[in-house]
Amino acid sequence: MTTPSRPTPAPGATRALVTGASRGIGAAIAKRLAAAGHPVIVNYRSDEAGAAAVVAAIEDAGGVAVAARFDVGDRAATAAALEALLHDERPIGVLVNNAGVARDAVFPAMSGEQWDAVLDTTLGGFFNVTRPLVMAMVQRKWGRIVNLSSISALRGNPGQVNYAAAKAGLIGFGRSLARELGSRGITVNVVLPGFVQTDMTAVLPDEQVATIKTQVALQRLATPDEVAGVVTFLASDAASYITGAVVPVDGGLGMGH
């Protein structure tokens, strides 16, 4: 009986693309991956100043980064942007699908535009970004794909049927892709953040935040860096035997789901 060979390790120059990386969780992931030695592509749709600040922070810390503006929900624009990025001789071996939007409304009042905006960016964006990059990973027999879903995909959340549906889709999409690509040395995993200290939670009333904390076993919100640490691990060689995993980073909020 022969011993299976270990996957070929990624070269040190393997680039990492993080979508929606101009702020919050995406920015923290970009900085962590840069600290781990990856040249990072900081994707953004409209927050040019935020993306520039992330690039500057990475460079100030001794890392390498560039900003790349494109809307992941726009298939043609994404394809054009990725084609230009792929002209670089350094392969994109790490992909973090983080971009997403929220357009909350109770379902009877939800418009088609609110539904489409969330599904097109969160779920459609996964397809639009991942598909053009997969074949190069297959040819190299190495790749790391990490999808940022949400604990809402398992728990559901009133007023967020579009958001929960899109995030749940990332789980099914990711696990199916993990089965397809595993024999090629490519791992695909899904991270489920709970409530995180970002711009989105900063606008919540103090009373609502206090109520949220009572539902979390650790009695606090996560920091973006705590989520980024898990993503960076899954993108590393230390996680080479982990694929198809759904990893909650929620302080115990989703226990039992």
C-alpha atoms as a PDB file:
ATOM      1  CA  MET A   1       0.000   0.000   0.000  1.00  0.00           C
ATOM      2  CA  THR A   2       1.543   3.285  -1.087  1.00  0.00           C
ATOM      3  CA  THR A   3       1.515   6.406   1.022  1.00  0.00           C
ATOM      4  CA  PRO A   4      -0.280   9.327  -0.654  1.00  0.00           C
ATOM      5  CA  SER A   5       2.042  12.167  -1.506  1.00  0.00           C
ATOM      6  CA  ARG A   6       1.578  15.462   0.305  1.00  0.00           C
ATOM      7  CA  PRO A   7       0.199  18.404  -1.660  1.00  0.00           C
ATOM      8  CA  THR A   8       2.785  20.581  -3.307  1.00  0.00           C
ATOM      9  CA  PRO A   9       3.266  23.635  -1.070  1.00  0.00           C
ATOM     10  CA  ALA A  10       2.416  27.025  -2.483  1.00  0.00           C
ATOM     11  CA  PRO A  11       5.356  29.182  -3.540  1.00  0.00           C
ATOM     12  CA  GLY A  12       6.020  32.132  -1.294  1.00  0.00           C
ATOM     13  CA  ALA A  13       4.948  34.560  -4.023  1.00  0.00           C
ATOM     14  CA  THR A  14       1.412  33.165  -4.277  1.00  0.00           C
ATOM     15  CA  ARG A  15      -0.960  36.113  -4.275  1.00  0.00           C
ATOM     16  CA  ALA A  16      -4.144  36.331  -2.254  1.00  0.00           C
ATOM     17  CA  LEU A  17      -7.307  38.036  -3.480  1.00  0.00           C
ATOM     18  CA  VAL A  18      -9.731  39.259  -0.839  1.00  0.00           C
ATOM     19  CA  THR A  19     -13.039  40.631  -2.090  1.00  0.00           C
ATOM     20  CA  GLY A  20     -14.759  43.423  -0.189  1.00  0.00           C
ATOM     21  CA  ALA A  21     -11.509  44.230   1.604  1.00  0.00           C
ATOM     22  CA  SER A  22     -11.689  47.990   2.064  1.00  0.00           C
ATOM     23  CA  ARG A  23     -12.988  47.779   5.634  1.00  0.00           C
ATOM     24  CA  GLY A  24     -14.172  45.521   8.443  1.00  0.00           C
ATOM     25  CA  ILE A  25     -13.594  41.781   8.225  1.00  0.00           C
ATOM     26  CA  GLY A  26     -12.204  41.950   4.688  1.00  0.00           C
ATOM     27  CA  ALA A  27      -9.604  44.541   5.653  1.00  0.00           C
ATOM     28  CA  ALA A  28      -8.523  42.467   8.655  1.00  0.00           C
ATOM     29  CA  ILE A  29      -8.179  39.367   6.459  1.00  0.00           C
ATOM     30  CA  ALA A  30      -6.096  41.245   3.883  1.00  0.00           C
ATOM     31  CA  LYS A  31      -3.710  42.475   6.578  1.00  0.00           C
ATOM     32  CA  ARG A  32      -3.390  39.017   8.147  1.00  0.00           C
ATOM     33  CA  LEU A  33      -2.681  37.316   4.819  1.00  0.00           C
ATOM     34  CA  ALA A  34      -0.070  39.943   4.009  1.00  0.00           C
ATOM     35  CA  ALA A  35       1.571  39.325   7.377  1.00  0.00           C
ATOM     36  CA  ALA A  36       1.644  35.625   6.466  1.00  0.00           C
ATOM     37  CA  GLY A  37       3.713  36.460   3.395  1.00  0.00           C
ATOM     38  CA  HIS A  38       1.164  36.748   0.595  1.00  0.00           C
ATOM     39  CA  PRO A  39       1.083  39.702  -1.771  1.00  0.00           C
ATOM     40  CA  VAL A  40      -2.538  40.785  -1.372  1.00  0.00           C
ATOM     41  CA  ILE A  41      -5.052  42.129  -3.865  1.00  0.00           C
ATOM     42  CA  VAL A  42      -7.464  44.374  -1.961  1.00  0.00           C
ATOM     43  CA  ASN A  43     -10.737  44.366  -3.875  1.00  0.00           C
ATOM     44  CA  TYR A  44     -13.306  47.106  -3.396  1.00  0.00           C
ATOM     45  CA  ARG A  45     -16.364  48.408  -5.205  1.00  0.00           C
ATOM     46  CA  SER A  46     -16.624  52.071  -4.187  1.00  0.00           C
ATOM     47  CA  ASP A  47     -14.609  52.792  -1.025  1.00  0.00           C
ATOM     48  CA  GLU A  48     -11.376  53.893  -2.704  1.00  0.00           C
ATOM     49  CA  ALA A  49     -10.101  55.686   0.386  1.00  0.00           C
ATOM     50  CA  GLY A  50     -10.697  52.643   2.561  1.00  0.00           C
ATOM     51  CA  ALA A  51      -8.898  50.333   0.137  1.00  0.00           C
ATOM     52  CA  ALA A  52      -5.980  52.753  -0.111  1.00  0.00           C
ATOM     53  CA  ALA A  53      -5.742  52.837   3.693  1.00  0.00           C
ATOM     54  CA  VAL A  54      -5.617  49.023   3.835  1.00  0.00           C
ATOM     55  CA  VAL A  55      -2.882  48.918   1.189  1.00  0.00           C
ATOM     56  CA  ALA A  56      -0.914  51.591   3.055  1.00  0.00           C
ATOM     57  CA  ALA A  57      -1.223  49.714   6.357  1.00  0.00           C
ATOM     58  CA  ILE A  58       0.040  46.519   4.724  1.00  0.00           C
ATOM     59  CA  GLU A  59       2.971  48.308   3.112  1.00  0.00           C
ATOM     60  CA  ASP A  60       3.839  50.127   6.330  1.00  0.00           C
ATOM     61  CA  ALA A  61       4.048  46.717   8.014  1.00  0.00           C
ATOM     62  CA  GLY A  62       6.449  45.465   5.343  1.00  0.00           C
ATOM     63  CA  GLY A  63       3.919  43.610   3.195  1.00  0.00           C
ATOM     64  CA  VAL A  64       2.925  43.864  -0.449  1.00  0.00           C
ATOM     65  CA  ALA A  65      -0.538  44.910  -1.615  1.00  0.00           C
ATOM     66  CA  VAL A  66      -2.440  46.539  -4.454  1.00  0.00           C
ATOM     67  CA  ALA A  67      -6.019  47.769  -4.660  1.00  0.00           C
ATOM     68  CA  ALA A  68      -8.338  46.477  -7.379  1.00  0.00           C
ATOM     69  CA  ARG A  69     -11.655  48.146  -8.045  1.00  0.00           C
ATOM     70  CA  PHE A  70     -14.452  46.009  -9.468  1.00  0.00           C
ATOM     71  CA  ASP A  71     -17.999  45.050  -8.513  1.00  0.00           C
ATOM     72  CA  VAL A  72     -18.081  41.287  -7.919  1.00  0.00           C
ATOM     73  CA  GLY A  73     -21.778  41.296  -8.792  1.00  0.00           C
ATOM     74  CA  ASP A  74     -20.988  42.512 -12.316  1.00  0.00           C
ATOM     75  CA  ARG A  75     -19.808  39.434 -14.230  1.00  0.00           C
ATOM     76  CA  ALA A  76     -18.329  41.271 -17.202  1.00  0.00           C
ATOM     77  CA  ALA A  77     -16.489  43.831 -15.081  1.00  0.00           C
ATOM     78  CA  THR A  78     -15.151  41.120 -12.789  1.00  0.00           C
ATOM     79  CA  ALA A  79     -13.926  39.023 -15.730  1.00  0.00           C
ATOM     80  CA  ALA A  80     -12.114  42.019 -17.222  1.00  0.00           C
ATOM     81  CA  ALA A  81     -10.493  42.937 -13.914  1.00  0.00           C
ATOM     82  CA  LEU A  82      -9.356  39.381 -13.232  1.00  0.00           C
ATOM     83  CA  GLU A  83      -7.954  39.004 -16.729  1.00  0.00           C
ATOM     84  CA  ALA A  84      -5.764  42.032 -16.107  1.00  0.00           C
ATOM     85  CA  LEU A  85      -4.699  40.750 -12.685  1.00  0.00           C
ATOM     86  CA  LEU A  86      -3.777  37.344 -14.121  1.00  0.00           C
ATOM     87  CA  HIS A  87      -1.171  38.924 -16.415  1.00  0.00           C
ATOM     88  CA  ASP A  88       1.101  39.059 -13.358  1.00  0.00           C
ATOM     89  CA  GLU A  89       3.472  36.073 -13.289  1.00  0.00           C
ATOM     90  CA  ARG A  90       2.680  35.474  -9.606  1.00  0.00           C
ATOM     91  CA  PRO A  91      -0.347  33.141  -9.402  1.00  0.00           C
ATOM     92  CA  ILE A  92      -3.454  33.877  -7.374  1.00  0.00           C
ATOM     93  CA  GLY A  93      -3.512  30.817  -5.138  1.00  0.00           C
ATOM     94  CA  VAL A  94      -5.595  32.119  -2.231  1.00  0.00           C
ATOM     95  CA  LEU A  95      -9.102  33.455  -2.750  1.00  0.00           C
ATOM     96  CA  VAL A  96     -11.276  34.827   0.027  1.00  0.00           C
ATOM     97  CA  ASN A  97     -14.852  35.520  -1.054  1.00  0.00           C
ATOM     98  CA  ASN A  98     -15.869  38.127   1.501  1.00  0.00           C
ATOM     99  CA  ALA A  99     -17.826  40.718  -0.509  1.00  0.00           C
ATOM    100  CA  GLY A 100     -21.465  41.008   0.417  1.00  0.00           C
ATOM    101  CA  VAL A 101     -24.236  43.517   1.025  1.00  0.00           C
ATOM    102  CA  ALA A 102     -27.326  43.704   3.201  1.00  0.00           C
ATOM    103  CA  ARG A 103     -30.676  45.068   2.061  1.00  0.00           C
ATOM    104  CA  ASP A 104     -32.895  44.241   5.027  1.00  0.00           C
ATOM    105  CA  ALA A 105     -36.692  44.187   4.971  1.00  0.00           C
ATOM    106  CA  VAL A 106     -39.409  41.877   6.247  1.00  0.00           C
ATOM    107  CA  PHE A 107     -40.284  39.499   3.444  1.00  0.00           C
ATOM    108  CA  PRO A 108     -43.765  40.850   2.523  1.00  0.00           C
ATOM    109  CA  ALA A 109     -42.194  44.288   2.048  1.00  0.00           C
ATOM    110  CA  MET A 110     -39.012  43.091   0.340  1.00  0.00           C
ATOM    111  CA  SER A 111     -38.590  44.355  -3.202  1.00  0.00           C
ATOM    112  CA  GLY A 112     -37.172  42.427  -6.091  1.00  0.00           C
ATOM    113  CA  GLU A 113     -34.323  44.910  -6.199  1.00  0.00           C
ATOM    114  CA  GLN A 114     -33.440  44.186  -2.549  1.00  0.00           C
ATOM    115  CA  TRP A 115     -33.469  40.451  -3.238  1.00  0.00           C
ATOM    116  CA  ASP A 116     -31.371  40.752  -6.397  1.00  0.00           C
ATOM    117  CA  ALA A 117     -28.806  43.112  -4.881  1.00  0.00           C
ATOM    118  CA  VAL A 118     -27.946  40.686  -2.089  1.00  0.00           C
ATOM    119  CA  LEU A 119     -28.011  37.495  -4.176  1.00  0.00           C
ATOM    120  CA  ASP A 120     -26.096  39.057  -7.078  1.00  0.00           C
ATOM    121  CA  THR A 121     -23.269  40.312  -4.866  1.00  0.00           C
ATOM    122  CA  THR A 122     -22.973  37.595  -2.240  1.00  0.00           C
ATOM    123  CA  LEU A 123     -23.772  34.449  -4.213  1.00  0.00           C
ATOM    124  CA  GLY A 124     -23.333  35.643  -7.773  1.00  0.00           C
ATOM    125  CA  GLY A 125     -20.076  37.283  -6.762  1.00  0.00           C
ATOM    126  CA  PHE A 126     -18.740  33.932  -5.583  1.00  0.00           C
ATOM    127  CA  PHE A 127     -19.341  32.477  -9.047  1.00  0.00           C
ATOM    128  CA  ASN A 128     -18.069  35.534 -10.896  1.00  0.00           C
ATOM    129  CA  VAL A 129     -14.779  35.687  -9.003  1.00  0.00           C
ATOM    130  CA  THR A 130     -14.057  32.011  -8.380  1.00  0.00           C
ATOM    131  CA  ARG A 131     -14.721  30.515 -11.794  1.00  0.00           C
ATOM    132  CA  PRO A 132     -12.050  32.507 -13.692  1.00  0.00           C
ATOM    133  CA  LEU A 133      -9.425  31.581 -11.078  1.00  0.00           C
ATOM    134  CA  VAL A 134     -10.101  27.870 -10.567  1.00  0.00           C
ATOM    135  CA  MET A 135      -8.444  26.424 -13.672  1.00  0.00           C
ATOM    136  CA  ALA A 136      -5.085  28.001 -12.841  1.00  0.00           C
ATOM    137  CA  MET A 137      -5.309  26.433  -9.361  1.00  0.00           C
ATOM    138  CA  VAL A 138      -6.190  23.074 -10.942  1.00  0.00           C
ATOM    139  CA  GLN A 139      -3.177  23.277 -13.242  1.00  0.00           C
ATOM    140  CA  ARG A 140      -0.884  24.099 -10.328  1.00  0.00           C
ATOM    141  CA  LYS A 141      -2.565  21.479  -8.107  1.00  0.00           C
ATOM    142  CA  TRP A 142      -2.744  23.922  -5.233  1.00  0.00           C
ATOM    143  CA  GLY A 143      -5.258  26.464  -4.033  1.00  0.00           C
ATOM    144  CA  ARG A 144      -7.108  27.794  -1.019  1.00  0.00           C
ATOM    145  CA  ILE A 145     -10.657  29.113  -1.322  1.00  0.00           C
ATOM    146  CA  VAL A 146     -12.428  30.473   1.752  1.00  0.00           C
ATOM    147  CA  ASN A 147     -16.003  31.749   1.685  1.00  0.00           C
ATOM    148  CA  LEU A 148     -17.319  34.161   4.308  1.00  0.00           C
ATOM    149  CA  SER A 149     -20.850  33.075   5.095  1.00  0.00           C
ATOM    150  CA  SER A 150     -22.728  33.953   8.306  1.00  0.00           C
ATOM    151  CA  ILE A 151     -24.277  32.251  11.297  1.00  0.00           C
ATOM    152  CA  SER A 152     -27.535  33.649   9.880  1.00  0.00           C
ATOM    153  CA  ALA A 153     -27.277  30.947   7.209  1.00  0.00           C
ATOM    154  CA  LEU A 154     -27.993  28.379   9.925  1.00  0.00           C
ATOM    155  CA  ARG A 155     -30.128  30.340  12.391  1.00  0.00           C
ATOM    156  CA  GLY A 156     -32.068  32.553  10.027  1.00  0.00           C
ATOM    157  CA  ASN A 157     -32.773  36.152  10.944  1.00  0.00           C
ATOM    158  CA  PRO A 158     -36.018  38.145  10.713  1.00  0.00           C
ATOM    159  CA  GLY A 159     -35.834  40.770   7.998  1.00  0.00           C
ATOM    160  CA  GLN A 160     -32.923  39.044   6.277  1.00  0.00           C
ATOM    161  CA  VAL A 161     -34.360  36.242   4.157  1.00  0.00           C
ATOM    162  CA  ASN A 162     -32.302  37.475   1.195  1.00  0.00           C
ATOM    163  CA  TYR A 163     -29.097  37.691   3.244  1.00  0.00           C
ATOM    164  CA  ALA A 164     -29.606  34.308   4.927  1.00  0.00           C
ATOM    165  CA  ALA A 165     -30.468  32.647   1.616  1.00  0.00           C
ATOM    166  CA  ALA A 166     -27.334  34.003  -0.061  1.00  0.00           C
ATOM    167  CA  LYS A 167     -25.095  33.050   2.845  1.00  0.00           C
ATOM    168  CA  ALA A 168     -26.617  29.556   3.016  1.00  0.00           C
ATOM    169  CA  GLY A 169     -25.948  29.227  -0.695  1.00  0.00           C
ATOM    170  CA  LEU A 170     -22.260  29.810  -0.027  1.00  0.00           C
ATOM    171  CA  ILE A 171     -22.217  26.743   2.212  1.00  0.00           C
ATOM    172  CA  GLY A 172     -23.737  24.443  -0.404  1.00  0.00           C
ATOM    173  CA  PHE A 173     -21.642  25.993  -3.146  1.00  0.00           C
ATOM    174  CA  GLY A 174     -18.454  25.656  -1.100  1.00  0.00           C
ATOM    175  CA  ARG A 175     -19.010  22.058  -0.031  1.00  0.00           C
ATOM    176  CA  SER A 176     -19.894  20.950  -3.547  1.00  0.00           C
ATOM    177  CA  LEU A 177     -16.839  22.685  -4.953  1.00  0.00           C
ATOM    178  CA  ALA A 178     -14.678  21.091  -2.253  1.00  0.00           C
ATOM    179  CA  ARG A 179     -15.741  17.663  -3.530  1.00  0.00           C
ATOM    180  CA  GLU A 180     -14.974  18.629  -7.114  1.00  0.00           C
ATOM    181  CA  LEU A 181     -11.547  20.105  -6.443  1.00  0.00           C
ATOM    182  CA  GLY A 182     -10.177  17.995  -3.601  1.00  0.00           C
ATOM    183  CA  SER A 183      -8.283  15.607  -5.875  1.00  0.00           C
ATOM    184  CA  ARG A 184      -6.484  18.610  -7.353  1.00  0.00           C
ATOM    185  CA  GLY A 185      -4.998  19.757  -4.076  1.00  0.00           C
ATOM    186  CA  ILE A 186      -7.453  22.638  -3.687  1.00  0.00           C
ATOM    187  CA  THR A 187      -9.315  23.153  -0.433  1.00  0.00           C
ATOM    188  CA  VAL A 188     -12.612  25.012  -0.132  1.00  0.00           C
ATOM    189  CA  ASN A 189     -13.913  25.986   3.290  1.00  0.00           C
ATOM    190  CA  VAL A 190     -16.610  28.224   4.724  1.00  0.00           C
ATOM    191  CA  VAL A 191     -16.346  30.513   7.742  1.00  0.00           C
ATOM    192  CA  LEU A 192     -19.467  31.601   9.610  1.00  0.00           C
ATOM    193  CA  PRO A 193     -18.950  34.801  11.608  1.00  0.00           C
ATOM    194  CA  GLY A 194     -21.493  35.741  14.221  1.00  0.00           C
ATOM    195  CA  PHE A 195     -21.831  39.315  15.453  1.00  0.00           C
ATOM    196  CA  VAL A 196     -18.616  41.209  14.751  1.00  0.00           C
ATOM    197  CA  GLN A 197     -17.502  44.726  15.689  1.00  0.00           C
ATOM    198  CA  THR A 198     -17.805  46.411  12.298  1.00  0.00           C
ATOM    199  CA  ASP A 199     -19.495  49.458  10.794  1.00  0.00           C
ATOM    200  CA  MET A 200     -22.650  47.383  10.383  1.00  0.00           C
ATOM    201  CA  THR A 201     -22.954  46.612  14.098  1.00  0.00           C
ATOM    202  CA  ALA A 202     -21.692  50.019  15.224  1.00  0.00           C
ATOM    203  CA  VAL A 203     -25.015  51.607  14.234  1.00  0.00           C
ATOM    204  CA  LEU A 204     -27.078  49.248  16.400  1.00  0.00           C
ATOM    205  CA  PRO A 205     -28.658  50.726  19.537  1.00  0.00           C
ATOM    206  CA  ASP A 206     -26.856  49.899  22.791  1.00  0.00           C
ATOM    207  CA  GLU A 207     -29.916  48.021  24.030  1.00  0.00           C
ATOM    208  CA  GLN A 208     -29.880  45.749  20.996  1.00  0.00           C
ATOM    209  CA  VAL A 209     -26.155  45.062  21.366  1.00  0.00           C
ATOM    210  CA  ALA A 210     -26.693  44.199  25.029  1.00  0.00           C
ATOM    211  CA  THR A 211     -29.430  41.741  24.049  1.00  0.00           C
ATOM    212  CA  ILE A 212     -27.185  40.172  21.409  1.00  0.00           C
ATOM    213  CA  LYS A 213     -24.426  39.650  23.956  1.00  0.00           C
ATOM    214  CA  THR A 214     -26.781  37.687  26.212  1.00  0.00           C
ATOM    215  CA  GLN A 215     -27.284  35.193  23.352  1.00  0.00           C
ATOM    216  CA  VAL A 216     -23.544  34.674  22.870  1.00  0.00           C
ATOM    217  CA  ALA A 217     -21.786  32.191  25.166  1.00  0.00           C
ATOM    218  CA  LEU A 218     -18.695  34.421  25.328  1.00  0.00           C
ATOM    219  CA  GLN A 219     -20.909  37.446  26.125  1.00  0.00           C
ATOM    220  CA  ARG A 220     -19.253  39.778  23.605  1.00  0.00           C
ATOM    221  CA  LEU A 221     -18.948  40.561  19.919  1.00  0.00           C
ATOM    222  CA  ALA A 222     -16.013  39.256  17.898  1.00  0.00           C
ATOM    223  CA  THR A 223     -13.278  41.472  16.544  1.00  0.00           C
ATOM    224  CA  PRO A 224     -12.584  41.403  12.794  1.00  0.00           C
ATOM    225  CA  ASP A 225      -9.093  40.106  13.556  1.00  0.00           C
ATOM    226  CA  GLU A 226     -10.522  37.041  15.311  1.00  0.00           C
ATOM    227  CA  VAL A 227     -12.360  36.108  12.119  1.00  0.00           C
ATOM    228  CA  ALA A 228      -9.297  36.932  10.039  1.00  0.00           C
ATOM    229  CA  GLY A 229      -7.163  34.592  12.119  1.00  0.00           C
ATOM    230  CA  VAL A 230      -9.370  31.624  11.262  1.00  0.00           C
ATOM    231  CA  VAL A 231      -9.429  32.529   7.566  1.00  0.00           C
ATOM    232  CA  THR A 232      -5.644  32.871   7.493  1.00  0.00           C
ATOM    233  CA  PHE A 233      -5.259  29.455   9.108  1.00  0.00           C
ATOM    234  CA  LEU A 234      -7.547  27.860   6.518  1.00  0.00           C
ATOM    235  CA  ALA A 235      -5.457  29.485   3.777  1.00  0.00           C
ATOM    236  CA  SER A 236      -2.219  28.076   5.180  1.00  0.00           C
ATOM    237  CA  ASP A 237      -0.347  24.811   4.708  1.00  0.00           C
ATOM    238  CA  ALA A 238      -1.268  23.933   8.297  1.00  0.00           C
ATOM    239  CA  ALA A 239      -4.856  23.431   7.065  1.00  0.00           C
ATOM    240  CA  SER A 240      -3.915  21.267   4.068  1.00  0.00           C
ATOM    241  CA  TYR A 241      -6.168  18.390   5.230  1.00  0.00           C
ATOM    242  CA  ILE A 242      -9.235  20.521   5.914  1.00  0.00           C
ATOM    243  CA  THR A 243     -11.780  20.960   3.134  1.00  0.00           C
ATOM    244  CA  GLY A 244     -15.544  21.230   2.972  1.00  0.00           C
ATOM    245  CA  ALA A 245     -15.547  22.476   6.558  1.00  0.00           C
ATOM    246  CA  VAL A 246     -18.068  24.976   7.897  1.00  0.00           C
ATOM    247  CA  VAL A 247     -16.353  26.812  10.741  1.00  0.00           C
ATOM    248  CA  PRO A 248     -18.387  29.057  13.065  1.00  0.00           C
ATOM    249  CA  VAL A 249     -16.601  32.047  14.578  1.00  0.00           C
ATOM    250  CA  ASP A 250     -19.569  33.175  16.622  1.00  0.00           C
ATOM    251  CA  GLY A 251     -18.703  32.932  20.300  1.00  0.00           C
ATOM    252  CA  GLY A 252     -21.122  30.026  20.691  1.00  0.00           C
ATOM    253  CA  LEU A 253     -24.132  31.865  19.238  1.00  0.00           C
ATOM    254  CA  GLY A 254     -24.992  29.054  16.841  1.00  0.00           C
ATOM    255  CA  MET A 255     -24.586  26.084  19.180  1.00  0.00           C
ATOM    256  CA  GLY A 256     -27.281  23.546  18.487  1.00  0.00           C
ATOM    257  CA  HIS A 257     -27.709  24.556  14.839  1.00  0.00           C
END
